[in-house]
Amino acid sequence: MDSVGQDISLNSPNKGSLPDAMTDVAVDTVVAGPTPAATGLTEAEEEELRAELTKVEEEIVTLRQVLAAKERHCGELRRKLGLSALEGLKQNLSRSWQDVQGSTVYKKTQETLSQAGQKTSAALSTMGSAISRKLGDMRNSATFKSLEDRVGTIKSKVAGGREDGSDGLTSPAGNGEEPGHAPR
Protein backbone atom coordinates (compact mmCIF):
# COMPACT_ATOMS: atom_id res chain seq x y z
CA MET A 1 0.00 0.00 0.00
CA ASP A 2 1.56 3.29 -1.09
CA SER A 3 0.69 5.75 1.71
CA VAL A 4 2.41 8.81 0.22
CA GLY A 5 0.20 9.32 -2.84
CA GLN A 6 -3.08 8.09 -1.42
CA ASP A 7 -5.98 10.16 -0.12
CA ILE A 8 -5.64 9.77 3.68
CA SER A 9 -8.09 12.38 4.87
CA LEU A 10 -11.39 11.21 3.55
CA ASN A 11 -13.42 14.36 4.26
CA SER A 12 -10.70 16.95 4.66
CA PRO A 13 -10.29 19.91 2.33
CA ASN A 14 -6.56 19.03 2.32
CA LYS A 15 -7.03 15.63 0.69
CA GLY A 16 -3.85 13.80 -0.13
CA SER A 17 -1.51 16.17 1.67
CA LEU A 18 0.48 15.08 4.67
CA PRO A 19 2.30 17.41 7.00
CA ASP A 20 6.01 16.72 7.34
CA ALA A 21 5.61 15.88 11.04
CA MET A 22 3.24 13.03 10.19
CA THR A 23 5.51 11.19 7.77
CA ASP A 24 7.89 10.06 10.52
CA VAL A 25 5.47 8.17 12.75
CA ALA A 26 7.22 5.32 14.53
CA VAL A 27 5.71 1.87 14.43
CA ASP A 28 6.19 -0.39 17.40
CA THR A 29 7.89 -3.46 15.99
CA VAL A 30 9.84 -6.21 17.59
CA VAL A 31 12.84 -7.41 15.68
CA ALA A 32 14.06 -10.69 17.06
CA GLY A 33 15.31 -14.01 15.90
CA PRO A 34 12.97 -16.75 14.84
CA THR A 35 10.66 -17.95 17.56
CA PRO A 36 10.25 -21.63 18.33
CA ALA A 37 6.89 -21.63 16.52
CA ALA A 38 8.51 -20.16 13.39
CA THR A 39 11.23 -22.79 13.09
CA GLY A 40 8.95 -25.17 11.16
CA LEU A 41 8.27 -22.64 8.37
CA THR A 42 9.59 -22.97 4.87
CA GLU A 43 11.48 -20.07 3.34
CA ALA A 44 8.49 -19.21 1.14
CA GLU A 45 6.11 -19.18 4.13
CA GLU A 46 8.52 -17.05 6.12
CA GLU A 47 8.91 -14.61 3.23
CA GLU A 48 5.14 -14.42 2.83
CA LEU A 49 4.69 -13.70 6.55
CA ARG A 50 7.38 -11.00 6.45
CA ALA A 51 5.65 -9.35 3.49
CA GLU A 52 2.32 -9.46 5.33
CA LEU A 53 3.97 -8.00 8.44
CA THR A 54 5.43 -5.15 6.40
CA LYS A 55 2.02 -4.50 4.85
CA VAL A 56 0.29 -4.43 8.25
CA GLU A 57 2.95 -2.08 9.65
CA GLU A 58 2.43 0.27 6.70
CA GLU A 59 -1.33 0.16 7.27
CA ILE A 60 -0.78 1.05 10.93
CA VAL A 61 1.31 4.06 9.92
CA THR A 62 -1.38 5.12 7.45
CA LEU A 63 -4.14 4.73 10.01
CA ARG A 64 -2.20 6.80 12.53
CA GLN A 65 -1.75 9.51 9.91
CA VAL A 66 -5.45 9.42 9.04
CA LEU A 67 -6.35 9.62 12.72
CA ALA A 68 -4.03 12.59 13.26
CA ALA A 69 -5.53 14.34 10.22
CA LYS A 70 -9.06 13.65 11.47
CA GLU A 71 -8.17 14.99 14.92
CA ARG A 72 -6.78 18.19 13.38
CA HIS A 73 -9.87 18.57 11.23
CA CYS A 74 -12.07 17.99 14.27
CA GLY A 75 -10.13 20.68 16.15
CA GLU A 76 -10.58 23.11 13.27
CA LEU A 77 -14.33 22.45 13.17
CA ARG A 78 -14.60 22.93 16.93
CA ARG A 79 -12.71 26.20 16.69
CA LYS A 80 -14.94 27.42 13.85
CA LEU A 81 -18.06 26.47 15.82
CA GLY A 82 -16.75 28.27 18.88
CA LEU A 83 -16.59 25.19 21.05
CA SER A 84 -14.13 25.82 23.83
CA ALA A 85 -11.22 23.69 24.89
CA LEU A 86 -13.02 23.22 28.20
CA GLU A 87 -15.93 21.57 26.40
CA GLY A 88 -13.49 19.25 24.65
CA LEU A 89 -11.82 18.48 27.95
CA LYS A 90 -15.21 17.64 29.50
CA GLN A 91 -15.97 15.29 26.62
CA ASN A 92 -12.54 13.67 26.88
CA LEU A 93 -12.90 13.19 30.63
CA SER A 94 -16.37 11.75 30.17
CA ARG A 95 -15.13 9.38 27.48
CA SER A 96 -12.13 8.42 29.64
CA TRP A 97 -14.40 7.72 32.63
CA GLN A 98 -16.58 5.52 30.44
CA ASP A 99 -13.45 3.69 29.28
CA VAL A 100 -12.35 3.21 32.90
CA GLN A 101 -15.79 1.89 33.85
CA GLY A 102 -15.62 -0.55 30.98
CA SER A 103 -12.19 -1.82 31.94
CA THR A 104 -11.70 -5.26 33.41
CA VAL A 105 -9.80 -3.90 36.41
CA TYR A 106 -12.64 -1.49 37.30
CA LYS A 107 -15.25 -4.22 36.95
CA LYS A 108 -13.25 -6.62 39.13
CA THR A 109 -12.68 -3.92 41.75
CA GLN A 110 -16.37 -2.99 41.71
CA GLU A 111 -17.34 -6.65 42.07
CA THR A 112 -14.89 -7.17 44.94
CA LEU A 113 -16.13 -4.07 46.77
CA SER A 114 -19.73 -5.15 46.23
CA GLN A 115 -18.99 -8.57 47.71
CA ALA A 116 -17.14 -6.96 50.62
CA GLY A 117 -20.14 -4.68 51.24
CA GLN A 118 -22.52 -7.63 51.21
CA LYS A 119 -20.32 -9.57 53.63
CA THR A 120 -19.98 -6.54 55.90
CA SER A 121 -23.73 -6.02 55.85
CA ALA A 122 -24.34 -9.67 56.70
CA ALA A 123 -21.78 -9.51 59.53
CA LEU A 124 -23.34 -6.35 60.98
CA SER A 125 -26.79 -7.90 60.73
CA THR A 126 -25.58 -11.01 62.54
CA MET A 127 -23.88 -8.89 65.17
CA GLY A 128 -27.05 -6.79 65.63
CA SER A 129 -29.12 -9.94 66.07
CA ALA A 130 -26.65 -11.30 68.61
CA ILE A 131 -26.68 -8.04 70.59
CA SER A 132 -30.47 -7.94 70.50
CA ARG A 133 -30.64 -11.55 71.69
CA LYS A 134 -28.14 -10.85 74.51
CA LEU A 135 -30.09 -7.77 75.61
CA GLY A 136 -33.27 -9.86 75.60
CA ASP A 137 -31.55 -12.52 77.68
CA MET A 138 -30.26 -9.86 80.04
CA ARG A 139 -33.72 -8.33 80.40
CA ASN A 140 -35.13 -11.71 81.34
CA SER A 141 -32.41 -12.32 83.95
CA ALA A 142 -33.20 -12.29 87.66
CA THR A 143 -30.81 -9.40 88.31
CA PHE A 144 -32.49 -7.19 85.72
CA LYS A 145 -35.96 -8.14 86.99
CA SER A 146 -34.90 -7.19 90.51
CA LEU A 147 -33.49 -3.87 89.31
CA GLU A 148 -36.61 -3.23 87.25
CA ASP A 149 -38.83 -3.90 90.28
CA ARG A 150 -36.79 -1.50 92.43
CA VAL A 151 -36.93 1.24 89.78
CA GLY A 152 -40.67 0.66 89.43
CA THR A 153 -41.14 0.95 93.21
CA ILE A 154 -39.14 4.18 93.37
CA LYS A 155 -41.03 5.55 90.39
CA SER A 156 -44.39 4.77 91.97
CA LYS A 157 -43.36 6.41 95.24
CA VAL A 158 -42.15 9.52 93.39
CA ALA A 159 -45.19 9.68 91.15
CA GLY A 160 -47.58 8.77 93.94
CA GLY A 161 -46.27 11.54 96.21
CA ARG A 162 -46.71 14.17 93.51
CA GLU A 163 -50.36 13.30 93.03
CA ASP A 164 -51.32 14.48 96.51
CA GLY A 165 -49.47 17.77 96.17
CA SER A 166 -46.17 16.88 97.79
CA ASP A 167 -43.11 15.43 96.18
CA GLY A 168 -43.07 12.47 98.57
CA LEU A 169 -39.47 12.95 99.56
CA THR A 170 -38.23 13.41 103.08
CA SER A 171 -35.44 15.69 104.15
CA PRO A 172 -31.89 14.40 104.32
CA ALA A 173 -32.04 14.68 108.10
CA GLY A 174 -34.82 12.11 108.08
CA ASN A 175 -37.08 14.15 110.32
CA GLY A 176 -40.05 14.18 107.93
CA GLU A 177 -39.67 17.79 106.96
CA GLU A 178 -39.70 18.90 103.37
CA PRO A 179 -36.30 19.41 101.84
CA GLY A 180 -35.20 22.97 101.31
CA HIS A 181 -37.20 24.28 104.32
CA ALA A 182 -35.76 25.12 107.69
CA PRO A 183 -37.18 23.31 110.73
CA ARG A 184 -39.80 25.32 112.66
C-alpha atoms as a PDB file:
ATOM      1  CA  MET A   1       0.000   0.000   0.000  1.00  0.00           C
ATOM      2  CA  ASP A   2       1.555   3.295  -1.087  1.00  0.00           C
ATOM      3  CA  SER A   3       0.688   5.748   1.707  1.00  0.00           C
ATOM      4  CA  VAL A   4       2.408   8.812   0.216  1.00  0.00           C
ATOM      5  CA  GLY A   5       0.197   9.320  -2.841  1.00  0.00           C
ATOM      6  CA  GLN A   6      -3.078   8.086  -1.419  1.00  0.00           C
ATOM      7  CA  ASP A   7      -5.982  10.155  -0.116  1.00  0.00           C
ATOM      8  CA  ILE A   8      -5.636   9.774   3.675  1.00  0.00           C
ATOM      9  CA  SER A   9      -8.088  12.380   4.867  1.00  0.00           C
ATOM     10  CA  LEU A  10     -11.387  11.205   3.548  1.00  0.00           C
ATOM     11  CA  ASN A  11     -13.423  14.360   4.260  1.00  0.00           C
ATOM     12  CA  SER A  12     -10.699  16.950   4.665  1.00  0.00           C
ATOM     13  CA  PRO A  13     -10.293  19.905   2.334  1.00  0.00           C
ATOM     14  CA  ASN A  14      -6.559  19.033   2.323  1.00  0.00           C
ATOM     15  CA  LYS A  15      -7.030  15.634   0.687  1.00  0.00           C
ATOM     16  CA  GLY A  16      -3.852  13.800  -0.130  1.00  0.00           C
ATOM     17  CA  SER A  17      -1.505  16.171   1.666  1.00  0.00           C
ATOM     18  CA  LEU A  18       0.478  15.078   4.671  1.00  0.00           C
ATOM     19  CA  PRO A  19       2.303  17.412   7.001  1.00  0.00           C
ATOM     20  CA  ASP A  20       6.010  16.722   7.342  1.00  0.00           C
ATOM     21  CA  ALA A  21       5.607  15.877  11.035  1.00  0.00           C
ATOM     22  CA  MET A  22       3.238  13.031  10.190  1.00  0.00           C
ATOM     23  CA  THR A  23       5.511  11.189   7.771  1.00  0.00           C
ATOM     24  CA  ASP A  24       7.893  10.057  10.517  1.00  0.00           C
ATOM     25  CA  VAL A  25       5.474   8.175  12.753  1.00  0.00           C
ATOM     26  CA  ALA A  26       7.218   5.319  14.528  1.00  0.00           C
ATOM     27  CA  VAL A  27       5.708   1.870  14.434  1.00  0.00           C
ATOM     28  CA  ASP A  28       6.193  -0.392  17.399  1.00  0.00           C
ATOM     29  CA  THR A  29       7.895  -3.457  15.991  1.00  0.00           C
ATOM     30  CA  VAL A  30       9.845  -6.209  17.593  1.00  0.00           C
ATOM     31  CA  VAL A  31      12.842  -7.414  15.677  1.00  0.00           C
ATOM     32  CA  ALA A  32      14.057 -10.691  17.062  1.00  0.00           C
ATOM     33  CA  GLY A  33      15.313 -14.008  15.904  1.00  0.00           C
ATOM     34  CA  PRO A  34      12.974 -16.752  14.840  1.00  0.00           C
ATOM     35  CA  THR A  35      10.658 -17.950  17.561  1.00  0.00           C
ATOM     36  CA  PRO A  36      10.252 -21.632  18.335  1.00  0.00           C
ATOM     37  CA  ALA A  37       6.890 -21.632  16.522  1.00  0.00           C
ATOM     38  CA  ALA A  38       8.507 -20.156  13.386  1.00  0.00           C
ATOM     39  CA  THR A  39      11.232 -22.794  13.086  1.00  0.00           C
ATOM     40  CA  GLY A  40       8.948 -25.173  11.161  1.00  0.00           C
ATOM     41  CA  LEU A  41       8.273 -22.645   8.367  1.00  0.00           C
ATOM     42  CA  THR A  42       9.592 -22.969   4.874  1.00  0.00           C
ATOM     43  CA  GLU A  43      11.478 -20.070   3.335  1.00  0.00           C
ATOM     44  CA  ALA A  44       8.489 -19.214   1.143  1.00  0.00           C
ATOM     45  CA  GLU A  45       6.114 -19.182   4.129  1.00  0.00           C
ATOM     46  CA  GLU A  46       8.522 -17.053   6.123  1.00  0.00           C
ATOM     47  CA  GLU A  47       8.914 -14.612   3.231  1.00  0.00           C
ATOM     48  CA  GLU A  48       5.136 -14.416   2.826  1.00  0.00           C
ATOM     49  CA  LEU A  49       4.690 -13.700   6.549  1.00  0.00           C
ATOM     50  CA  ARG A  50       7.375 -11.004   6.452  1.00  0.00           C
ATOM     51  CA  ALA A  51       5.651  -9.354   3.488  1.00  0.00           C
ATOM     52  CA  GLU A  52       2.317  -9.455   5.334  1.00  0.00           C
ATOM     53  CA  LEU A  53       3.975  -8.003   8.440  1.00  0.00           C
ATOM     54  CA  THR A  54       5.426  -5.150   6.400  1.00  0.00           C
ATOM     55  CA  LYS A  55       2.019  -4.496   4.845  1.00  0.00           C
ATOM     56  CA  VAL A  56       0.286  -4.435   8.254  1.00  0.00           C
ATOM     57  CA  GLU A  57       2.945  -2.080   9.651  1.00  0.00           C
ATOM     58  CA  GLU A  58       2.426   0.271   6.696  1.00  0.00           C
ATOM     59  CA  GLU A  59      -1.330   0.161   7.272  1.00  0.00           C
ATOM     60  CA  ILE A  60      -0.775   1.052  10.935  1.00  0.00           C
ATOM     61  CA  VAL A  61       1.315   4.060   9.923  1.00  0.00           C
ATOM     62  CA  THR A  62      -1.384   5.125   7.450  1.00  0.00           C
ATOM     63  CA  LEU A  63      -4.142   4.727  10.015  1.00  0.00           C
ATOM     64  CA  ARG A  64      -2.197   6.797  12.533  1.00  0.00           C
ATOM     65  CA  GLN A  65      -1.751   9.512   9.914  1.00  0.00           C
ATOM     66  CA  VAL A  66      -5.450   9.419   9.043  1.00  0.00           C
ATOM     67  CA  LEU A  67      -6.353   9.615  12.719  1.00  0.00           C
ATOM     68  CA  ALA A  68      -4.035  12.589  13.262  1.00  0.00           C
ATOM     69  CA  ALA A  69      -5.528  14.344  10.222  1.00  0.00           C
ATOM     70  CA  LYS A  70      -9.062  13.652  11.469  1.00  0.00           C
ATOM     71  CA  GLU A  71      -8.172  14.989  14.923  1.00  0.00           C
ATOM     72  CA  ARG A  72      -6.775  18.190  13.380  1.00  0.00           C
ATOM     73  CA  HIS A  73      -9.875  18.569  11.226  1.00  0.00           C
ATOM     74  CA  CYS A  74     -12.073  17.991  14.273  1.00  0.00           C
ATOM     75  CA  GLY A  75     -10.130  20.679  16.150  1.00  0.00           C
ATOM     76  CA  GLU A  76     -10.582  23.108  13.270  1.00  0.00           C
ATOM     77  CA  LEU A  77     -14.326  22.447  13.174  1.00  0.00           C
ATOM     78  CA  ARG A  78     -14.603  22.929  16.930  1.00  0.00           C
ATOM     79  CA  ARG A  79     -12.706  26.198  16.691  1.00  0.00           C
ATOM     80  CA  LYS A  80     -14.945  27.416  13.852  1.00  0.00           C
ATOM     81  CA  LEU A  81     -18.063  26.466  15.820  1.00  0.00           C
ATOM     82  CA  GLY A  82     -16.755  28.269  18.875  1.00  0.00           C
ATOM     83  CA  LEU A  83     -16.588  25.189  21.045  1.00  0.00           C
ATOM     84  CA  SER A  84     -14.132  25.820  23.828  1.00  0.00           C
ATOM     85  CA  ALA A  85     -11.223  23.685  24.887  1.00  0.00           C
ATOM     86  CA  LEU A  86     -13.022  23.218  28.198  1.00  0.00           C
ATOM     87  CA  GLU A  87     -15.928  21.570  26.398  1.00  0.00           C
ATOM     88  CA  GLY A  88     -13.493  19.253  24.649  1.00  0.00           C
ATOM     89  CA  LEU A  89     -11.823  18.482  27.953  1.00  0.00           C
ATOM     90  CA  LYS A  90     -15.206  17.639  29.500  1.00  0.00           C
ATOM     91  CA  GLN A  91     -15.972  15.287  26.624  1.00  0.00           C
ATOM     92  CA  ASN A  92     -12.539  13.669  26.877  1.00  0.00           C
ATOM     93  CA  LEU A  93     -12.903  13.194  30.626  1.00  0.00           C
ATOM     94  CA  SER A  94     -16.375  11.748  30.173  1.00  0.00           C
ATOM     95  CA  ARG A  95     -15.127   9.384  27.479  1.00  0.00           C
ATOM     96  CA  SER A  96     -12.132   8.421  29.637  1.00  0.00           C
ATOM     97  CA  TRP A  97     -14.399   7.723  32.629  1.00  0.00           C
ATOM     98  CA  GLN A  98     -16.577   5.516  30.436  1.00  0.00           C
ATOM     99  CA  ASP A  99     -13.445   3.694  29.280  1.00  0.00           C
ATOM    100  CA  VAL A 100     -12.350   3.208  32.896  1.00  0.00           C
ATOM    101  CA  GLN A 101     -15.790   1.893  33.854  1.00  0.00           C
ATOM    102  CA  GLY A 102     -15.621  -0.549  30.977  1.00  0.00           C
ATOM    103  CA  SER A 103     -12.191  -1.822  31.937  1.00  0.00           C
ATOM    104  CA  THR A 104     -11.703  -5.264  33.409  1.00  0.00           C
ATOM    105  CA  VAL A 105      -9.802  -3.901  36.411  1.00  0.00           C
ATOM    106  CA  TYR A 106     -12.637  -1.494  37.298  1.00  0.00           C
ATOM    107  CA  LYS A 107     -15.249  -4.221  36.947  1.00  0.00           C
ATOM    108  CA  LYS A 108     -13.246  -6.624  39.130  1.00  0.00           C
ATOM    109  CA  THR A 109     -12.683  -3.916  41.752  1.00  0.00           C
ATOM    110  CA  GLN A 110     -16.367  -2.992  41.715  1.00  0.00           C
ATOM    111  CA  GLU A 111     -17.342  -6.653  42.071  1.00  0.00           C
ATOM    112  CA  THR A 112     -14.893  -7.166  44.943  1.00  0.00           C
ATOM    113  CA  LEU A 113     -16.134  -4.066  46.773  1.00  0.00           C
ATOM    114  CA  SER A 114     -19.727  -5.149  46.233  1.00  0.00           C
ATOM    115  CA  GLN A 115     -18.993  -8.565  47.706  1.00  0.00           C
ATOM    116  CA  ALA A 116     -17.142  -6.958  50.622  1.00  0.00           C
ATOM    117  CA  GLY A 117     -20.135  -4.683  51.238  1.00  0.00           C
ATOM    118  CA  GLN A 118     -22.522  -7.629  51.212  1.00  0.00           C
ATOM    119  CA  LYS A 119     -20.321  -9.574  53.630  1.00  0.00           C
ATOM    120  CA  THR A 120     -19.981  -6.541  55.904  1.00  0.00           C
ATOM    121  CA  SER A 121     -23.734  -6.023  55.847  1.00  0.00           C
ATOM    122  CA  ALA A 122     -24.336  -9.672  56.702  1.00  0.00           C
ATOM    123  CA  ALA A 123     -21.778  -9.512  59.533  1.00  0.00           C
ATOM    124  CA  LEU A 124     -23.339  -6.351  60.981  1.00  0.00           C
ATOM    125  CA  SER A 125     -26.789  -7.895  60.727  1.00  0.00           C
ATOM    126  CA  THR A 126     -25.580 -11.012  62.537  1.00  0.00           C
ATOM    127  CA  MET A 127     -23.878  -8.889  65.166  1.00  0.00           C
ATOM    128  CA  GLY A 128     -27.048  -6.792  65.631  1.00  0.00           C
ATOM    129  CA  SER A 129     -29.119  -9.936  66.066  1.00  0.00           C
ATOM    130  CA  ALA A 130     -26.648 -11.300  68.610  1.00  0.00           C
ATOM    131  CA  ILE A 131     -26.677  -8.039  70.595  1.00  0.00           C
ATOM    132  CA  SER A 132     -30.467  -7.939  70.497  1.00  0.00           C
ATOM    133  CA  ARG A 133     -30.636 -11.548  71.694  1.00  0.00           C
ATOM    134  CA  LYS A 134     -28.137 -10.845  74.508  1.00  0.00           C
ATOM    135  CA  LEU A 135     -30.091  -7.768  75.608  1.00  0.00           C
ATOM    136  CA  GLY A 136     -33.269  -9.857  75.602  1.00  0.00           C
ATOM    137  CA  ASP A 137     -31.545 -12.523  77.679  1.00  0.00           C
ATOM    138  CA  MET A 138     -30.259  -9.865  80.044  1.00  0.00           C
ATOM    139  CA  ARG A 139     -33.716  -8.330  80.397  1.00  0.00           C
ATOM    140  CA  ASN A 140     -35.126 -11.715  81.336  1.00  0.00           C
ATOM    141  CA  SER A 141     -32.415 -12.324  83.948  1.00  0.00           C
ATOM    142  CA  ALA A 142     -33.200 -12.294  87.661  1.00  0.00           C
ATOM    143  CA  THR A 143     -30.810  -9.399  88.313  1.00  0.00           C
ATOM    144  CA  PHE A 144     -32.490  -7.188  85.724  1.00  0.00           C
ATOM    145  CA  LYS A 145     -35.959  -8.140  86.988  1.00  0.00           C
ATOM    146  CA  SER A 146     -34.897  -7.187  90.514  1.00  0.00           C
ATOM    147  CA  LEU A 147     -33.486  -3.868  89.314  1.00  0.00           C
ATOM    148  CA  GLU A 148     -36.609  -3.229  87.251  1.00  0.00           C
ATOM    149  CA  ASP A 149     -38.829  -3.896  90.279  1.00  0.00           C
ATOM    150  CA  ARG A 150     -36.795  -1.499  92.428  1.00  0.00           C
ATOM    151  CA  VAL A 151     -36.934   1.241  89.784  1.00  0.00           C
ATOM    152  CA  GLY A 152     -40.675   0.664  89.432  1.00  0.00           C
ATOM    153  CA  THR A 153     -41.143   0.947  93.210  1.00  0.00           C
ATOM    154  CA  ILE A 154     -39.140   4.178  93.375  1.00  0.00           C
ATOM    155  CA  LYS A 155     -41.029   5.548  90.387  1.00  0.00           C
ATOM    156  CA  SER A 156     -44.395   4.772  91.970  1.00  0.00           C
ATOM    157  CA  LYS A 157     -43.357   6.415  95.238  1.00  0.00           C
ATOM    158  CA  VAL A 158     -42.153   9.523  93.393  1.00  0.00           C
ATOM    159  CA  ALA A 159     -45.191   9.675  91.148  1.00  0.00           C
ATOM    160  CA  GLY A 160     -47.584   8.775  93.943  1.00  0.00           C
ATOM    161  CA  GLY A 161     -46.265  11.544  96.205  1.00  0.00           C
ATOM    162  CA  ARG A 162     -46.710  14.170  93.507  1.00  0.00           C
ATOM    163  CA  GLU A 163     -50.361  13.298  93.031  1.00  0.00           C
ATOM    164  CA  ASP A 164     -51.320  14.483  96.511  1.00  0.00           C
ATOM    165  CA  GLY A 165     -49.472  17.768  96.167  1.00  0.00           C
ATOM    166  CA  SER A 166     -46.171  16.881  97.793  1.00  0.00           C
ATOM    167  CA  ASP A 167     -43.108  15.430  96.179  1.00  0.00           C
ATOM    168  CA  GLY A 168     -43.066  12.466  98.575  1.00  0.00           C
ATOM    169  CA  LEU A 169     -39.465  12.953  99.556  1.00  0.00           C
ATOM    170  CA  THR A 170     -38.229  13.410 103.078  1.00  0.00           C
ATOM    171  CA  SER A 171     -35.439  15.695 104.150  1.00  0.00           C
ATOM    172  CA  PRO A 172     -31.888  14.399 104.315  1.00  0.00           C
ATOM    173  CA  ALA A 173     -32.038  14.681 108.102  1.00  0.00           C
ATOM    174  CA  GLY A 174     -34.823  12.110 108.077  1.00  0.00           C
ATOM    175  CA  ASN A 175     -37.084  14.150 110.324  1.00  0.00           C
ATOM    176  CA  GLY A 176     -40.048  14.179 107.926  1.00  0.00           C
ATOM    177  CA  GLU A 177     -39.667  17.786 106.964  1.00  0.00           C
ATOM    178  CA  GLU A 178     -39.705  18.905 103.370  1.00  0.00           C
ATOM    179  CA  PRO A 179     -36.299  19.410 101.836  1.00  0.00           C
ATOM    180  CA  GLY A 180     -35.204  22.973 101.312  1.00  0.00           C
ATOM    181  CA  HIS A 181     -37.203  24.279 104.322  1.00  0.00           C
ATOM    182  CA  ALA A 182     -35.758  25.124 107.695  1.00  0.00           C
ATOM    183  CA  PRO A 183     -37.177  23.309 110.727  1.00  0.00           C
ATOM    184  CA  ARG A 184     -39.800  25.317 112.660  1.00  0.00           C
END
